Amino acid sequence: MAMRDAAASVPVVQWMWRAGGVETLILRRWGSDDEATNEMVAAFYALLRDGKTASEAMRLASAGARTAPTTQPPGVWAGWLILTGR
């Protein structure tokens, strides 16, 4: 399912995760290389653990991915949706 097809469901997904105690959820808008995406997501969550806000962590993780040889394609670092209650 494409993101535009699923857009109406995003608030429901956010509510379900928030009800389960998840404060921040990130979603990809389109597919990408799994290994490269895993590297970026790991960087994002490491930055969150270091005290960065979700938007700051995504900005820094994206910036790092744009310069790394394995994660340079925009499909890896562009098009993320951050759902947070903060």
N, C-alpha and C. Protein backbone atom coordinates (compact mmCIF):
# COMPACT_ATOMS: atom_id res chain seq x y z
N MET A 1 0.84 -1.17 0.00
CA MET A 1 0.00 0.00 0.00
C MET A 1 0.89 1.24 0.00
N ALA A 2 0.61 2.18 -0.86
CA ALA A 2 1.36 3.42 -0.93
C ALA A 2 0.99 4.32 0.24
N MET A 3 1.91 5.21 0.62
CA MET A 3 1.65 6.11 1.74
C MET A 3 0.40 6.95 1.49
N ARG A 4 0.20 7.41 0.25
CA ARG A 4 -0.98 8.24 0.00
C ARG A 4 -2.26 7.45 0.20
N ASP A 5 -2.22 6.14 -0.05
CA ASP A 5 -3.38 5.28 0.18
C ASP A 5 -3.61 5.04 1.68
N ALA A 6 -2.53 5.08 2.45
CA ALA A 6 -2.62 4.79 3.87
C ALA A 6 -2.73 6.05 4.73
N ALA A 7 -2.64 7.23 4.12
CA ALA A 7 -2.59 8.48 4.88
C ALA A 7 -3.77 8.64 5.84
N ALA A 8 -4.94 8.23 5.45
CA ALA A 8 -6.11 8.37 6.31
C ALA A 8 -6.00 7.51 7.56
N SER A 9 -5.18 6.47 7.53
CA SER A 9 -5.04 5.57 8.67
C SER A 9 -3.97 6.00 9.66
N VAL A 10 -3.15 6.97 9.30
CA VAL A 10 -2.04 7.37 10.16
C VAL A 10 -2.50 7.79 11.55
N PRO A 11 -3.54 8.62 11.71
CA PRO A 11 -3.97 8.97 13.07
C PRO A 11 -4.38 7.77 13.91
N VAL A 12 -4.99 6.78 13.29
CA VAL A 12 -5.38 5.57 14.02
C VAL A 12 -4.14 4.81 14.47
N VAL A 13 -3.16 4.68 13.57
CA VAL A 13 -1.92 4.00 13.92
C VAL A 13 -1.23 4.73 15.07
N GLN A 14 -1.18 6.05 14.97
CA GLN A 14 -0.55 6.83 16.04
C GLN A 14 -1.27 6.60 17.36
N TRP A 15 -2.58 6.62 17.36
CA TRP A 15 -3.34 6.41 18.59
C TRP A 15 -3.06 5.03 19.18
N MET A 16 -3.00 4.01 18.34
CA MET A 16 -2.76 2.65 18.85
C MET A 16 -1.39 2.56 19.53
N TRP A 17 -0.37 3.11 18.89
CA TRP A 17 0.97 3.06 19.48
C TRP A 17 1.04 3.89 20.75
N ARG A 18 0.41 5.08 20.76
CA ARG A 18 0.39 5.91 21.96
C ARG A 18 -0.33 5.19 23.09
N ALA A 19 -1.44 4.51 22.79
CA ALA A 19 -2.17 3.77 23.82
C ALA A 19 -1.31 2.66 24.41
N GLY A 20 -0.38 2.15 23.62
CA GLY A 20 0.54 1.11 24.08
C GLY A 20 1.77 1.66 24.79
N GLY A 21 1.87 2.99 24.91
CA GLY A 21 2.99 3.60 25.63
C GLY A 21 4.15 4.05 24.77
N VAL A 22 4.02 3.96 23.46
CA VAL A 22 5.10 4.39 22.57
C VAL A 22 4.97 5.89 22.36
N GLU A 23 6.03 6.64 22.69
CA GLU A 23 5.98 8.10 22.58
C GLU A 23 6.29 8.59 21.18
N THR A 24 7.20 7.92 20.48
CA THR A 24 7.61 8.37 19.15
C THR A 24 7.63 7.20 18.19
N LEU A 25 7.06 7.41 17.03
CA LEU A 25 7.01 6.39 15.98
C LEU A 25 7.45 7.06 14.68
N ILE A 26 8.33 6.39 13.93
CA ILE A 26 8.72 6.92 12.63
C ILE A 26 8.28 5.93 11.56
N LEU A 27 7.80 6.47 10.45
CA LEU A 27 7.33 5.65 9.33
C LEU A 27 8.00 6.12 8.05
N ARG A 28 8.36 5.17 7.21
CA ARG A 28 8.90 5.51 5.88
C ARG A 28 7.74 5.74 4.93
N ARG A 29 7.86 6.74 4.09
CA ARG A 29 6.82 7.01 3.10
C ARG A 29 6.96 6.12 1.88
N TRP A 30 8.14 5.56 1.65
CA TRP A 30 8.34 4.66 0.52
C TRP A 30 9.44 3.66 0.88
N GLY A 31 9.55 2.60 0.12
CA GLY A 31 10.53 1.55 0.37
C GLY A 31 11.95 2.00 0.10
N SER A 32 12.89 1.25 0.65
CA SER A 32 14.30 1.57 0.48
C SER A 32 15.11 0.32 0.82
N ASP A 33 16.40 0.42 0.68
CA ASP A 33 17.31 -0.65 1.05
C ASP A 33 17.21 -0.89 2.56
N ASP A 34 16.90 -2.13 2.95
CA ASP A 34 16.67 -2.42 4.36
C ASP A 34 17.90 -2.20 5.23
N GLU A 35 19.07 -2.62 4.78
CA GLU A 35 20.28 -2.45 5.59
C GLU A 35 20.59 -0.98 5.81
N ALA A 36 20.51 -0.19 4.76
CA ALA A 36 20.77 1.25 4.88
C ALA A 36 19.73 1.91 5.77
N THR A 37 18.48 1.52 5.63
CA THR A 37 17.42 2.07 6.47
C THR A 37 17.66 1.70 7.93
N ASN A 38 18.06 0.47 8.20
CA ASN A 38 18.35 0.04 9.56
C ASN A 38 19.45 0.88 10.19
N GLU A 39 20.47 1.23 9.40
CA GLU A 39 21.55 2.08 9.90
C GLU A 39 21.01 3.45 10.30
N MET A 40 20.15 4.01 9.47
CA MET A 40 19.61 5.33 9.77
C MET A 40 18.69 5.29 10.98
N VAL A 41 17.85 4.27 11.07
CA VAL A 41 16.94 4.15 12.21
C VAL A 41 17.74 3.95 13.50
N ALA A 42 18.81 3.17 13.46
CA ALA A 42 19.66 2.98 14.64
C ALA A 42 20.27 4.32 15.07
N ALA A 43 20.72 5.12 14.10
CA ALA A 43 21.26 6.44 14.43
C ALA A 43 20.19 7.33 15.04
N PHE A 44 18.98 7.29 14.49
CA PHE A 44 17.86 8.08 15.01
C PHE A 44 17.60 7.74 16.48
N TYR A 45 17.46 6.45 16.79
CA TYR A 45 17.15 6.05 18.15
C TYR A 45 18.31 6.30 19.11
N ALA A 46 19.55 6.20 18.63
CA ALA A 46 20.70 6.54 19.47
C ALA A 46 20.66 8.02 19.85
N LEU A 47 20.30 8.86 18.89
CA LEU A 47 20.19 10.30 19.17
C LEU A 47 19.04 10.58 20.13
N LEU A 48 17.93 9.86 20.01
CA LEU A 48 16.83 10.01 20.97
C LEU A 48 17.30 9.64 22.38
N ARG A 49 18.04 8.54 22.49
CA ARG A 49 18.55 8.12 23.80
C ARG A 49 19.51 9.15 24.39
N ASP A 50 20.19 9.88 23.51
CA ASP A 50 21.13 10.92 23.96
C ASP A 50 20.42 12.22 24.35
N GLY A 51 19.09 12.24 24.26
CA GLY A 51 18.33 13.40 24.71
C GLY A 51 17.85 14.35 23.63
N LYS A 52 18.08 14.03 22.38
CA LYS A 52 17.60 14.88 21.29
C LYS A 52 16.09 14.72 21.14
N THR A 53 15.44 15.76 20.63
CA THR A 53 14.01 15.64 20.31
C THR A 53 13.88 14.77 19.07
N ALA A 54 12.68 14.30 18.79
CA ALA A 54 12.45 13.44 17.63
C ALA A 54 12.82 14.18 16.34
N SER A 55 12.41 15.43 16.21
CA SER A 55 12.70 16.15 14.97
C SER A 55 14.20 16.43 14.83
N GLU A 56 14.87 16.75 15.95
CA GLU A 56 16.31 16.98 15.90
C GLU A 56 17.05 15.68 15.59
N ALA A 57 16.62 14.58 16.21
CA ALA A 57 17.26 13.29 15.95
C ALA A 57 17.11 12.88 14.49
N MET A 58 15.91 13.11 13.91
CA MET A 58 15.71 12.76 12.50
C MET A 58 16.56 13.64 11.59
N ARG A 59 16.64 14.92 11.91
CA ARG A 59 17.46 15.83 11.10
C ARG A 59 18.92 15.41 11.13
N LEU A 60 19.44 15.09 12.31
CA LEU A 60 20.84 14.68 12.43
C LEU A 60 21.09 13.31 11.80
N ALA A 61 20.17 12.37 11.99
CA ALA A 61 20.33 11.04 11.38
C ALA A 61 20.28 11.15 9.85
N SER A 62 19.38 11.99 9.34
CA SER A 62 19.29 12.20 7.89
C SER A 62 20.56 12.83 7.34
N ALA A 63 21.09 13.81 8.07
CA ALA A 63 22.33 14.47 7.63
C ALA A 63 23.47 13.47 7.58
N GLY A 64 23.55 12.60 8.58
CA GLY A 64 24.59 11.58 8.59
C GLY A 64 24.42 10.58 7.45
N ALA A 65 23.19 10.22 7.17
CA ALA A 65 22.91 9.26 6.09
C ALA A 65 23.25 9.84 4.72
N ARG A 66 23.06 11.13 4.56
CA ARG A 66 23.37 11.76 3.26
C ARG A 66 24.85 11.72 2.95
N THR A 67 25.70 11.63 3.98
CA THR A 67 27.14 11.65 3.74
C THR A 67 27.77 10.25 3.77
N ALA A 68 27.05 9.26 4.29
CA ALA A 68 27.59 7.89 4.37
C ALA A 68 27.46 7.20 3.01
N PRO A 69 28.49 6.47 2.58
CA PRO A 69 28.45 5.82 1.26
C PRO A 69 27.31 4.82 1.10
N THR A 70 26.93 4.13 2.18
CA THR A 70 25.91 3.09 2.06
C THR A 70 24.49 3.64 2.12
N THR A 71 24.31 4.88 2.55
CA THR A 71 22.97 5.41 2.75
C THR A 71 22.71 6.70 1.99
N GLN A 72 23.46 6.97 0.96
CA GLN A 72 23.31 8.23 0.24
C GLN A 72 22.03 8.37 -0.58
N PRO A 73 21.46 7.32 -1.15
CA PRO A 73 20.27 7.54 -1.96
C PRO A 73 19.15 8.19 -1.15
N PRO A 74 18.44 9.17 -1.74
CA PRO A 74 17.37 9.86 -1.01
C PRO A 74 16.30 8.94 -0.46
N GLY A 75 16.10 7.78 -1.06
CA GLY A 75 15.10 6.85 -0.55
C GLY A 75 15.39 6.39 0.87
N VAL A 76 16.64 6.50 1.30
CA VAL A 76 17.02 6.11 2.65
C VAL A 76 16.72 7.22 3.64
N TRP A 77 17.12 8.44 3.32
CA TRP A 77 17.05 9.52 4.31
C TRP A 77 15.90 10.50 4.11
N ALA A 78 15.25 10.49 2.98
CA ALA A 78 14.14 11.42 2.74
C ALA A 78 12.81 10.72 2.95
N GLY A 79 11.80 11.48 3.20
CA GLY A 79 10.45 10.94 3.23
C GLY A 79 10.04 10.23 4.50
N TRP A 80 10.58 10.59 5.63
CA TRP A 80 10.19 9.98 6.90
C TRP A 80 9.09 10.81 7.55
N LEU A 81 8.19 10.14 8.22
CA LEU A 81 7.09 10.77 8.95
C LEU A 81 7.32 10.47 10.42
N ILE A 82 7.32 11.52 11.25
CA ILE A 82 7.53 11.37 12.69
C ILE A 82 6.19 11.58 13.37
N LEU A 83 5.77 10.60 14.16
CA LEU A 83 4.55 10.71 14.96
C LEU A 83 4.99 10.72 16.42
N THR A 84 4.68 11.80 17.11
CA THR A 84 5.09 11.92 18.49
C THR A 84 4.04 12.64 19.31
N GLY A 85 4.03 12.35 20.57
CA GLY A 85 3.08 13.00 21.47
C GLY A 85 3.71 14.16 22.22
N ARG A 86 4.96 14.40 21.96
CA ARG A 86 5.66 15.48 22.66
C ARG A 86 5.56 16.77 21.90
